[in-house]
Amino acid sequence: MQMAKTCAGIARLNKKKVPYISILTDPTTGGTSASFAMVGDINIAEPGALIGFAGRRVIEQTIKQKLPENFQTSEFLLEHGFLDMIVQRNEMKKVLKQVLSFCTR
């Protein structure tokens, strides 16, 4: 039910042309990553953040394959199109200002 509420809220933002920016910190796991963290219009993570739904061991046992070392890191997710950018925390305010100024043009 929480995912439905989250998506309904994001839809209201979308109607008003307000971007939903998701910032993923270390760690972002479980239901958080499966729901509101990955449905942003813009998804930003901090460097080296652990981001995933299930743990490495559970996934490896399920798919019966060894996962890459950097699996579930922000860098891996950026390479595979799940994130838009990786930003250091001390740079986040500046980057968000740039992103929001671009979105309001």
PDB file of N, CA and C in Angstrom:
ATOM      1  N   MET A   1       0.825  -1.199   0.000  1.00  0.00           N
ATOM      2  CA  MET A   1       0.000   0.000   0.000  1.00  0.00           C
ATOM      3  C   MET A   1       0.860   1.250   0.000  1.00  0.00           C
ATOM      4  N   GLN A   2       2.005   1.185   0.683  1.00  0.00           N
ATOM      5  CA  GLN A   2       2.866   2.362   0.748  1.00  0.00           C
ATOM      6  C   GLN A   2       3.353   2.775  -0.640  1.00  0.00           C
ATOM      7  N   MET A   3       3.684   1.799  -1.502  1.00  0.00           N
ATOM      8  CA  MET A   3       4.148   2.108  -2.853  1.00  0.00           C
ATOM      9  C   MET A   3       3.057   2.817  -3.640  1.00  0.00           C
ATOM     10  N   ALA A   4       1.823   2.378  -3.488  1.00  0.00           N
ATOM     11  CA  ALA A   4       0.708   3.024  -4.187  1.00  0.00           C
ATOM     12  C   ALA A   4       0.562   4.477  -3.740  1.00  0.00           C
ATOM     13  N   LYS A   5       0.692   4.716  -2.442  1.00  0.00           N
ATOM     14  CA  LYS A   5       0.611   6.086  -1.922  1.00  0.00           C
ATOM     15  C   LYS A   5       1.769   6.939  -2.447  1.00  0.00           C
ATOM     16  N   THR A   6       2.944   6.346  -2.478  1.00  0.00           N
ATOM     17  CA  THR A   6       4.122   7.058  -2.972  1.00  0.00           C
ATOM     18  C   THR A   6       3.934   7.445  -4.432  1.00  0.00           C
ATOM     19  N   CYS A   7       3.514   6.493  -5.253  1.00  0.00           N
ATOM     20  CA  CYS A   7       3.322   6.776  -6.680  1.00  0.00           C
ATOM     21  C   CYS A   7       2.211   7.787  -6.914  1.00  0.00           C
ATOM     22  N   ALA A   8       1.171   7.734  -6.099  1.00  0.00           N
ATOM     23  CA  ALA A   8       0.086   8.720  -6.221  1.00  0.00           C
ATOM     24  C   ALA A   8       0.611  10.117  -5.889  1.00  0.00           C
ATOM     25  N   GLY A   9       1.436  10.220  -4.867  1.00  0.00           N
ATOM     26  CA  GLY A   9       2.035  11.509  -4.520  1.00  0.00           C
ATOM     27  C   GLY A   9       2.954  12.026  -5.612  1.00  0.00           C
ATOM     28  N   ILE A  10       3.740  11.138  -6.176  1.00  0.00           N
ATOM     29  CA  ILE A  10       4.638  11.534  -7.274  1.00  0.00           C
ATOM     30  C   ILE A  10       3.826  11.975  -8.485  1.00  0.00           C
ATOM     31  N   ALA A  11       2.706  11.312  -8.743  1.00  0.00           N
ATOM     32  CA  ALA A  11       1.834  11.696  -9.858  1.00  0.00           C
ATOM     33  C   ALA A  11       1.287  13.109  -9.657  1.00  0.00           C
ATOM     34  N   ARG A  12       0.956  13.443  -8.402  1.00  0.00           N
ATOM     35  CA  ARG A  12       0.478  14.808  -8.120  1.00  0.00           C
ATOM     36  C   ARG A  12       1.579  15.830  -8.377  1.00  0.00           C
ATOM     37  N   LEU A  13       2.792  15.495  -7.982  1.00  0.00           N
ATOM     38  CA  LEU A  13       3.921  16.394  -8.278  1.00  0.00           C
ATOM     39  C   LEU A  13       4.092  16.557  -9.777  1.00  0.00           C
ATOM     40  N   ASN A  14       4.005  15.441 -10.496  1.00  0.00           N
ATOM     41  CA  ASN A  14       4.183  15.459 -11.940  1.00  0.00           C
ATOM     42  C   ASN A  14       3.156  16.364 -12.629  1.00  0.00           C
ATOM     43  N   LYS A  15       1.901  16.297 -12.165  1.00  0.00           N
ATOM     44  CA  LYS A  15       0.849  17.152 -12.745  1.00  0.00           C
ATOM     45  C   LYS A  15       1.163  18.628 -12.563  1.00  0.00           C
ATOM     46  N   LYS A  16       1.840  18.947 -11.456  1.00  0.00           N
ATOM     47  CA  LYS A  16       2.207  20.342 -11.186  1.00  0.00           C
ATOM     48  C   LYS A  16       3.581  20.695 -11.749  1.00  0.00           C
ATOM     49  N   LYS A  17       4.162  19.740 -12.499  1.00  0.00           N
ATOM     50  CA  LYS A  17       5.476  19.913 -13.118  1.00  0.00           C
ATOM     51  C   LYS A  17       6.589  20.161 -12.087  1.00  0.00           C
ATOM     52  N   VAL A  18       6.458  19.492 -10.945  1.00  0.00           N
ATOM     53  CA  VAL A  18       7.477  19.536  -9.897  1.00  0.00           C
ATOM     54  C   VAL A  18       8.254  18.225  -9.963  1.00  0.00           C
ATOM     55  N   PRO A  19       9.559  18.295 -10.166  1.00  0.00           N
ATOM     56  CA  PRO A  19      10.325  17.049 -10.271  1.00  0.00           C
ATOM     57  C   PRO A  19      10.456  16.340  -8.919  1.00  0.00           C
ATOM     58  N   TYR A  20      10.451  15.035  -8.969  1.00  0.00           N
ATOM     59  CA  TYR A  20      10.698  14.221  -7.783  1.00  0.00           C
ATOM     60  C   TYR A  20      12.157  13.789  -7.844  1.00  0.00           C
ATOM     61  N   ILE A  21      12.959  14.338  -6.959  1.00  0.00           N
ATOM     62  CA  ILE A  21      14.385  14.044  -6.928  1.00  0.00           C
ATOM     63  C   ILE A  21      14.648  13.118  -5.752  1.00  0.00           C
ATOM     64  N   SER A  22      15.206  11.966  -6.054  1.00  0.00           N
ATOM     65  CA  SER A  22      15.498  10.973  -5.036  1.00  0.00           C
ATOM     66  C   SER A  22      16.997  10.988  -4.753  1.00  0.00           C
ATOM     67  N   ILE A  23      17.348  11.116  -3.479  1.00  0.00           N
ATOM     68  CA  ILE A  23      18.748  11.116  -3.074  1.00  0.00           C
ATOM     69  C   ILE A  23      18.988   9.857  -2.253  1.00  0.00           C
ATOM     70  N   LEU A  24      19.858   8.994  -2.757  1.00  0.00           N
ATOM     71  CA  LEU A  24      20.129   7.710  -2.134  1.00  0.00           C
ATOM     72  C   LEU A  24      21.444   7.789  -1.372  1.00  0.00           C
ATOM     73  N   THR A  25      21.367   7.533  -0.076  1.00  0.00           N
ATOM     74  CA  THR A  25      22.548   7.571   0.773  1.00  0.00           C
ATOM     75  C   THR A  25      22.934   6.147   1.157  1.00  0.00           C
ATOM     76  N   ASP A  26      24.057   6.009   1.808  1.00  0.00           N
ATOM     77  CA  ASP A  26      24.555   4.701   2.204  1.00  0.00           C
ATOM     78  C   ASP A  26      24.080   4.349   3.604  1.00  0.00           C
ATOM     79  N   PRO A  27      23.347   3.288   3.784  1.00  0.00           N
ATOM     80  CA  PRO A  27      22.793   2.361   2.800  1.00  0.00           C
ATOM     81  C   PRO A  27      21.354   2.726   2.435  1.00  0.00           C
ATOM     82  N   THR A  28      20.949   2.352   1.237  1.00  0.00           N
ATOM     83  CA  THR A  28      19.548   2.435   0.814  1.00  0.00           C
ATOM     84  C   THR A  28      19.176   1.022   0.401  1.00  0.00           C
ATOM     85  N   THR A  29      18.440   0.339   1.258  1.00  0.00           N
ATOM     86  CA  THR A  29      18.167  -1.077   1.014  1.00  0.00           C
ATOM     87  C   THR A  29      16.715  -1.429   1.282  1.00  0.00           C
ATOM     88  N   GLY A  30      16.376  -2.667   0.964  1.00  0.00           N
ATOM     89  CA  GLY A  30      15.056  -3.214   1.256  1.00  0.00           C
ATOM     90  C   GLY A  30      13.935  -2.459   0.579  1.00  0.00           C
ATOM     91  N   GLY A  31      12.852  -2.310   1.300  1.00  0.00           N
ATOM     92  CA  GLY A  31      11.667  -1.661   0.767  1.00  0.00           C
ATOM     93  C   GLY A  31      11.902  -0.224   0.347  1.00  0.00           C
ATOM     94  N   THR A  32      12.855   0.443   1.001  1.00  0.00           N
ATOM     95  CA  THR A  32      13.162   1.824   0.621  1.00  0.00           C
ATOM     96  C   THR A  32      13.659   1.878  -0.814  1.00  0.00           C
ATOM     97  N   SER A  33      14.610   1.015  -1.143  1.00  0.00           N
ATOM     98  CA  SER A  33      15.140   1.028  -2.507  1.00  0.00           C
ATOM     99  C   SER A  33      14.107   0.526  -3.502  1.00  0.00           C
ATOM    100  N   ALA A  34      13.262  -0.389  -3.079  1.00  0.00           N
ATOM    101  CA  ALA A  34      12.264  -0.961  -3.984  1.00  0.00           C
ATOM    102  C   ALA A  34      11.099  -0.012  -4.230  1.00  0.00           C
ATOM    103  N   SER A  35      10.909   0.950  -3.358  1.00  0.00           N
ATOM    104  CA  SER A  35       9.757   1.834  -3.524  1.00  0.00           C
ATOM    105  C   SER A  35      10.195   3.236  -3.921  1.00  0.00           C
ATOM    106  N   PHE A  36      10.140   4.164  -3.011  1.00  0.00           N
ATOM    107  CA  PHE A  36      10.298   5.565  -3.393  1.00  0.00           C
ATOM    108  C   PHE A  36      11.700   5.966  -3.819  1.00  0.00           C
ATOM    109  N   ALA A  37      12.717   5.215  -3.464  1.00  0.00           N
ATOM    110  CA  ALA A  37      14.088   5.625  -3.800  1.00  0.00           C
ATOM    111  C   ALA A  37      14.385   5.537  -5.287  1.00  0.00           C
ATOM    112  N   MET A  38      13.806   4.591  -5.991  1.00  0.00           N
ATOM    113  CA  MET A  38      14.171   4.384  -7.389  1.00  0.00           C
ATOM    114  C   MET A  38      13.136   4.892  -8.389  1.00  0.00           C
ATOM    115  N   VAL A  39      12.131   5.612  -7.937  1.00  0.00           N
ATOM    116  CA  VAL A  39      11.110   6.095  -8.866  1.00  0.00           C
ATOM    117  C   VAL A  39      11.205   7.603  -9.098  1.00  0.00           C
ATOM    118  N   GLY A  40      12.344   8.179  -8.778  1.00  0.00           N
ATOM    119  CA  GLY A  40      12.520   9.611  -8.969  1.00  0.00           C
ATOM    120  C   GLY A  40      12.620   9.995 -10.427  1.00  0.00           C
ATOM    121  N   ASP A  41      12.269  11.223 -10.713  1.00  0.00           N
ATOM    122  CA  ASP A  41      12.535  11.766 -12.047  1.00  0.00           C
ATOM    123  C   ASP A  41      14.045  11.877 -12.238  1.00  0.00           C
ATOM    124  N   ILE A  42      14.708  12.192 -11.138  1.00  0.00           N
ATOM    125  CA  ILE A  42      16.166  12.268 -11.110  1.00  0.00           C
ATOM    126  C   ILE A  42      16.618  11.495  -9.866  1.00  0.00           C
ATOM    127  N   ASN A  43      17.504  10.531 -10.072  1.00  0.00           N
ATOM    128  CA  ASN A  43      18.020   9.719  -8.970  1.00  0.00           C
ATOM    129  C   ASN A  43      19.499  10.038  -8.774  1.00  0.00           C
ATOM    130  N   ILE A  44      19.834  10.502  -7.576  1.00  0.00           N
ATOM    131  CA  ILE A  44      21.203  10.896  -7.238  1.00  0.00           C
ATOM    132  C   ILE A  44      21.658  10.060  -6.044  1.00  0.00           C
ATOM    133  N   ALA A  45      22.900   9.583  -6.090  1.00  0.00           N
ATOM    134  CA  ALA A  45      23.433   8.817  -4.959  1.00  0.00           C
ATOM    135  C   ALA A  45      24.778   9.369  -4.552  1.00  0.00           C
ATOM    136  N   GLU A  46      25.152   9.078  -3.316  1.00  0.00           N
ATOM    137  CA  GLU A  46      26.482   9.460  -2.868  1.00  0.00           C
ATOM    138  C   GLU A  46      27.471   8.371  -3.292  1.00  0.00           C
ATOM    139  N   PRO A  47      28.740   8.711  -3.433  1.00  0.00           N
ATOM    140  CA  PRO A  47      29.740   7.739  -3.868  1.00  0.00           C
ATOM    141  C   PRO A  47      29.826   6.540  -2.926  1.00  0.00           C
ATOM    142  N   GLY A  48      29.956   5.364  -3.521  1.00  0.00           N
ATOM    143  CA  GLY A  48      30.150   4.151  -2.745  1.00  0.00           C
ATOM    144  C   GLY A  48      28.952   3.673  -1.961  1.00  0.00           C
ATOM    145  N   ALA A  49      27.795   4.265  -2.184  1.00  0.00           N
ATOM    146  CA  ALA A  49      26.601   3.882  -1.422  1.00  0.00           C
ATOM    147  C   ALA A  49      26.171   2.461  -1.757  1.00  0.00           C
ATOM    148  N   LEU A  50      25.769   1.721  -0.731  1.00  0.00           N
ATOM    149  CA  LEU A  50      25.167   0.406  -0.904  1.00  0.00           C
ATOM    150  C   LEU A  50      23.696   0.630  -1.211  1.00  0.00           C
ATOM    151  N   ILE A  51      23.255   0.162  -2.382  1.00  0.00           N
ATOM    152  CA  ILE A  51      21.871   0.355  -2.806  1.00  0.00           C
ATOM    153  C   ILE A  51      21.354  -0.974  -3.347  1.00  0.00           C
ATOM    154  N   GLY A  52      20.304  -1.477  -2.751  1.00  0.00           N
ATOM    155  CA  GLY A  52      19.750  -2.737  -3.235  1.00  0.00           C
ATOM    156  C   GLY A  52      18.538  -3.171  -2.445  1.00  0.00           C
ATOM    157  N   PHE A  53      17.835  -4.146  -2.985  1.00  0.00           N
ATOM    158  CA  PHE A  53      16.642  -4.652  -2.318  1.00  0.00           C
ATOM    159  C   PHE A  53      16.993  -5.809  -1.393  1.00  0.00           C
ATOM    160  N   ALA A  54      17.577  -6.843  -1.950  1.00  0.00           N
ATOM    161  CA  ALA A  54      17.959  -8.016  -1.158  1.00  0.00           C
ATOM    162  C   ALA A  54      19.474  -8.048  -1.028  1.00  0.00           C
ATOM    163  N   GLY A  55      19.950  -8.787  -0.053  1.00  0.00           N
ATOM    164  CA  GLY A  55      21.388  -8.901   0.154  1.00  0.00           C
ATOM    165  C   GLY A  55      22.076  -9.731  -0.920  1.00  0.00           C
ATOM    166  N   ARG A  56      23.371  -9.532  -1.040  1.00  0.00           N
ATOM    167  CA  ARG A  56      24.183 -10.225  -2.039  1.00  0.00           C
ATOM    168  C   ARG A  56      23.991 -11.746  -1.964  1.00  0.00           C
ATOM    169  N   ARG A  57      24.096 -12.313  -0.766  1.00  0.00           N
ATOM    170  CA  ARG A  57      24.003 -13.767  -0.606  1.00  0.00           C
ATOM    171  C   ARG A  57      22.652 -14.286  -1.077  1.00  0.00           C
ATOM    172  N   VAL A  58      21.587 -13.596  -0.731  1.00  0.00           N
ATOM    173  CA  VAL A  58      20.244 -14.023  -1.130  1.00  0.00           C
ATOM    174  C   VAL A  58      20.123 -14.017  -2.651  1.00  0.00           C
ATOM    175  N   ILE A  59      20.622 -12.977  -3.284  1.00  0.00           N
ATOM    176  CA  ILE A  59      20.543 -12.880  -4.743  1.00  0.00           C
ATOM    177  C   ILE A  59      21.373 -13.974  -5.399  1.00  0.00           C
ATOM    178  N   GLU A  60      22.602 -14.165  -4.913  1.00  0.00           N
ATOM    179  CA  GLU A  60      23.464 -15.198  -5.492  1.00  0.00           C
ATOM    180  C   GLU A  60      22.840 -16.586  -5.351  1.00  0.00           C
ATOM    181  N   GLN A  61      22.234 -16.859  -4.211  1.00  0.00           N
ATOM    182  CA  GLN A  61      21.590 -18.164  -4.018  1.00  0.00           C
ATOM    183  C   GLN A  61      20.365 -18.317  -4.931  1.00  0.00           C
ATOM    184  N   THR A  62      19.671 -17.223  -5.149  1.00  0.00           N
ATOM    185  CA  THR A  62      18.473 -17.273  -5.986  1.00  0.00           C
ATOM    186  C   THR A  62      18.822 -17.496  -7.455  1.00  0.00           C
ATOM    187  N   ILE A  63      19.805 -16.744  -7.957  1.00  0.00           N
ATOM    188  CA  ILE A  63      20.138 -16.847  -9.383  1.00  0.00           C
ATOM    189  C   ILE A  63      21.244 -17.864  -9.656  1.00  0.00           C
ATOM    190  N   LYS A  64      21.833 -18.389  -8.580  1.00  0.00           N
ATOM    191  CA  LYS A  64      22.897 -19.395  -8.665  1.00  0.00           C
ATOM    192  C   LYS A  64      24.064 -18.919  -9.535  1.00  0.00           C
ATOM    193  N   GLN A  65      24.435 -17.656  -9.320  1.00  0.00           N
ATOM    194  CA  GLN A  65      25.571 -17.062 -10.013  1.00  0.00           C
ATOM    195  C   GLN A  65      26.315 -16.154  -9.043  1.00  0.00           C
ATOM    196  N   LYS A  66      27.596 -15.974  -9.298  1.00  0.00           N
ATOM    197  CA  LYS A  66      28.413 -15.044  -8.521  1.00  0.00           C
ATOM    198  C   LYS A  66      28.196 -13.644  -9.079  1.00  0.00           C
ATOM    199  N   LEU A  67      28.007 -12.685  -8.201  1.00  0.00           N
ATOM    200  CA  LEU A  67      27.778 -11.302  -8.627  1.00  0.00           C
ATOM    201  C   LEU A  67      29.101 -10.543  -8.694  1.00  0.00           C
ATOM    202  N   PRO A  68      29.174  -9.500  -9.525  1.00  0.00           N
ATOM    203  CA  PRO A  68      30.389  -8.677  -9.580  1.00  0.00           C
ATOM    204  C   PRO A  68      30.689  -8.050  -8.216  1.00  0.00           C
ATOM    205  N   GLU A  69      31.957  -7.794  -7.935  1.00  0.00           N
ATOM    206  CA  GLU A  69      32.380  -7.213  -6.652  1.00  0.00           C
ATOM    207  C   GLU A  69      31.659  -5.912  -6.330  1.00  0.00           C
ATOM    208  N   ASN A  70      31.499  -5.052  -7.325  1.00  0.00           N
ATOM    209  CA  ASN A  70      30.905  -3.730  -7.069  1.00  0.00           C
ATOM    210  C   ASN A  70      29.384  -3.720  -7.213  1.00  0.00           C
ATOM    211  N   PHE A  71      28.792  -4.906  -7.305  1.00  0.00           N
ATOM    212  CA  PHE A  71      27.335  -5.014  -7.411  1.00  0.00           C
ATOM    213  C   PHE A  71      26.690  -4.316  -6.220  1.00  0.00           C
ATOM    214  N   GLN A  72      25.625  -3.609  -6.454  1.00  0.00           N
ATOM    215  CA  GLN A  72      24.866  -2.863  -5.448  1.00  0.00           C
ATOM    216  C   GLN A  72      25.587  -1.622  -4.934  1.00  0.00           C
ATOM    217  N   THR A  73      26.556  -1.133  -5.673  1.00  0.00           N
ATOM    218  CA  THR A  73      27.169   0.146  -5.314  1.00  0.00           C
ATOM    219  C   THR A  73      26.587   1.219  -6.224  1.00  0.00           C
ATOM    220  N   SER A  74      26.672   2.455  -5.791  1.00  0.00           N
ATOM    221  CA  SER A  74      26.153   3.541  -6.614  1.00  0.00           C
ATOM    222  C   SER A  74      26.867   3.583  -7.965  1.00  0.00           C
ATOM    223  N   GLU A  75      28.151   3.270  -7.989  1.00  0.00           N
ATOM    224  CA  GLU A  75      28.905   3.298  -9.251  1.00  0.00           C
ATOM    225  C   GLU A  75      28.381   2.247 -10.234  1.00  0.00           C
ATOM    226  N   PHE A  76      28.095   1.049  -9.737  1.00  0.00           N
ATOM    227  CA  PHE A  76      27.542  -0.022 -10.574  1.00  0.00           C
ATOM    228  C   PHE A  76      26.179   0.396 -11.124  1.00  0.00           C
ATOM    229  N   LEU A  77      25.347   0.959 -10.263  1.00  0.00           N
ATOM    230  CA  LEU A  77      24.003   1.372 -10.682  1.00  0.00           C
ATOM    231  C   LEU A  77      24.048   2.516 -11.689  1.00  0.00           C
ATOM    232  N   LEU A  78      25.005   3.421 -11.546  1.00  0.00           N
ATOM    233  CA  LEU A  78      25.160   4.496 -12.526  1.00  0.00           C
ATOM    234  C   LEU A  78      25.546   3.919 -13.887  1.00  0.00           C
ATOM    235  N   GLU A  79      26.499   2.996 -13.889  1.00  0.00           N
ATOM    236  CA  GLU A  79      26.933   2.349 -15.136  1.00  0.00           C
ATOM    237  C   GLU A  79      25.789   1.622 -15.841  1.00  0.00           C
ATOM    238  N   HIS A  80      24.833   1.125 -15.074  1.00  0.00           N
ATOM    239  CA  HIS A  80      23.740   0.341 -15.635  1.00  0.00           C
ATOM    240  C   HIS A  80      22.436   1.126 -15.775  1.00  0.00           C
ATOM    241  N   GLY A  81      22.499   2.443 -15.639  1.00  0.00           N
ATOM    242  CA  GLY A  81      21.349   3.287 -15.936  1.00  0.00           C
ATOM    243  C   GLY A  81      20.307   3.453 -14.856  1.00  0.00           C
ATOM    244  N   PHE A  82      20.591   3.009 -13.638  1.00  0.00           N
ATOM    245  CA  PHE A  82      19.616   3.156 -12.558  1.00  0.00           C
ATOM    246  C   PHE A  82      19.731   4.501 -11.846  1.00  0.00           C
ATOM    247  N   LEU A  83      20.868   5.154 -11.990  1.00  0.00           N
ATOM    248  CA  LEU A  83      21.096   6.463 -11.373  1.00  0.00           C
ATOM    249  C   LEU A  83      21.421   7.483 -12.453  1.00  0.00           C
ATOM    250  N   ASP A  84      21.146   8.736 -12.138  1.00  0.00           N
ATOM    251  CA  ASP A  84      21.482   9.811 -13.063  1.00  0.00           C
ATOM    252  C   ASP A  84      22.837  10.427 -12.761  1.00  0.00           C
ATOM    253  N   MET A  85      23.210  10.423 -11.481  1.00  0.00           N
ATOM    254  CA  MET A  85      24.508  10.986 -11.123  1.00  0.00           C
ATOM    255  C   MET A  85      24.910  10.558  -9.726  1.00  0.00           C
ATOM    256  N   ILE A  86      26.212  10.675  -9.472  1.00  0.00           N
ATOM    257  CA  ILE A  86      26.772  10.423  -8.150  1.00  0.00           C
ATOM    258  C   ILE A  86      27.381  11.735  -7.686  1.00  0.00           C
ATOM    259  N   VAL A  87      27.032  12.142  -6.472  1.00  0.00           N
ATOM    260  CA  VAL A  87      27.457  13.446  -5.962  1.00  0.00           C
ATOM    261  C   VAL A  87      27.939  13.299  -4.521  1.00  0.00           C
ATOM    262  N   GLN A  88      29.076  13.885  -4.220  1.00  0.00           N
ATOM    263  CA  GLN A  88      29.567  13.929  -2.840  1.00  0.00           C
ATOM    264  C   GLN A  88      28.559  14.705  -1.992  1.00  0.00           C
ATOM    265  N   ARG A  89      28.386  14.304  -0.752  1.00  0.00           N
ATOM    266  CA  ARG A  89      27.431  15.000   0.131  1.00  0.00           C
ATOM    267  C   ARG A  89      27.718  16.487   0.256  1.00  0.00           C
ATOM    268  N   ASN A  90      28.982  16.851   0.355  1.00  0.00           N
ATOM    269  CA  ASN A  90      29.302  18.271   0.520  1.00  0.00           C
ATOM    270  C   ASN A  90      29.043  19.082  -0.752  1.00  0.00           C
ATOM    271  N   GLU A  91      28.778  18.425  -1.869  1.00  0.00           N
ATOM    272  CA  GLU A  91      28.454  19.102  -3.128  1.00  0.00           C
ATOM    273  C   GLU A  91      26.956  19.044  -3.443  1.00  0.00           C
ATOM    274  N   MET A  92      26.199  18.322  -2.631  1.00  0.00           N
ATOM    275  CA  MET A  92      24.792  18.053  -2.935  1.00  0.00           C
ATOM    276  C   MET A  92      23.959  19.326  -3.062  1.00  0.00           C
ATOM    277  N   LYS A  93      24.130  20.264  -2.162  1.00  0.00           N
ATOM    278  CA  LYS A  93      23.333  21.496  -2.193  1.00  0.00           C
ATOM    279  C   LYS A  93      23.554  22.249  -3.505  1.00  0.00           C
ATOM    280  N   LYS A  94      24.801  22.364  -3.909  1.00  0.00           N
ATOM    281  CA  LYS A  94      25.135  23.068  -5.152  1.00  0.00           C
ATOM    282  C   LYS A  94      24.528  22.346  -6.364  1.00  0.00           C
ATOM    283  N   VAL A  95      24.657  21.028  -6.395  1.00  0.00           N
ATOM    284  CA  VAL A  95      24.134  20.249  -7.515  1.00  0.00           C
ATOM    285  C   VAL A  95      22.614  20.311  -7.560  1.00  0.00           C
ATOM    286  N   LEU A  96      21.970  20.203  -6.413  1.00  0.00           N
ATOM    287  CA  LEU A  96      20.506  20.301  -6.386  1.00  0.00           C
ATOM    288  C   LEU A  96      20.027  21.666  -6.878  1.00  0.00           C
ATOM    289  N   LYS A  97      20.739  22.691  -6.515  1.00  0.00           N
ATOM    290  CA  LYS A  97      20.405  24.038  -6.997  1.00  0.00           C
ATOM    291  C   LYS A  97      20.492  24.092  -8.517  1.00  0.00           C
ATOM    292  N   GLN A  98      21.534  23.506  -9.095  1.00  0.00           N
ATOM    293  CA  GLN A  98      21.692  23.474 -10.550  1.00  0.00           C
ATOM    294  C   GLN A  98      20.580  22.658 -11.200  1.00  0.00           C
ATOM    295  N   VAL A  99      20.289  21.505 -10.643  1.00  0.00           N
ATOM    296  CA  VAL A  99      19.246  20.634 -11.208  1.00  0.00           C
ATOM    297  C   VAL A  99      17.897  21.334 -11.155  1.00  0.00           C
ATOM    298  N   LEU A 100      17.570  21.937 -10.014  1.00  0.00           N
ATOM    299  CA  LEU A 100      16.272  22.613  -9.890  1.00  0.00           C
ATOM    300  C   LEU A 100      16.176  23.833 -10.796  1.00  0.00           C
ATOM    301  N   SER A 101      17.264  24.551 -10.972  1.00  0.00           N
ATOM    302  CA  SER A 101      17.215  25.708 -11.877  1.00  0.00           C
ATOM    303  C   SER A 101      17.019  25.255 -13.310  1.00  0.00           C
ATOM    304  N   PHE A 102      17.588  24.100 -13.665  1.00  0.00           N
ATOM    305  CA  PHE A 102      17.389  23.544 -15.008  1.00  0.00           C
ATOM    306  C   PHE A 102      15.941  23.095 -15.173  1.00  0.00           C
ATOM    307  N   CYS A 103      15.369  22.479 -14.155  1.00  0.00           N
ATOM    308  CA  CYS A 103      14.002  21.952 -14.229  1.00  0.00           C
ATOM    309  C   CYS A 103      12.938  23.043 -14.289  1.00  0.00           C
ATOM    310  N   THR A 104      13.254  24.232 -13.814  1.00  0.00           N
ATOM    311  CA  THR A 104      12.244  25.297 -13.790  1.00  0.00           C
ATOM    312  C   THR A 104      12.316  26.210 -15.014  1.00  0.00           C
ATOM    313  N   ARG A 105      13.148  25.884 -15.950  1.00  0.00           N
ATOM    314  CA  ARG A 105      13.221  26.702 -17.182  1.00  0.00           C
ATOM    315  C   ARG A 105      12.049  26.466 -18.067  1.00  0.00           C
TER     316      ARG A 105
END
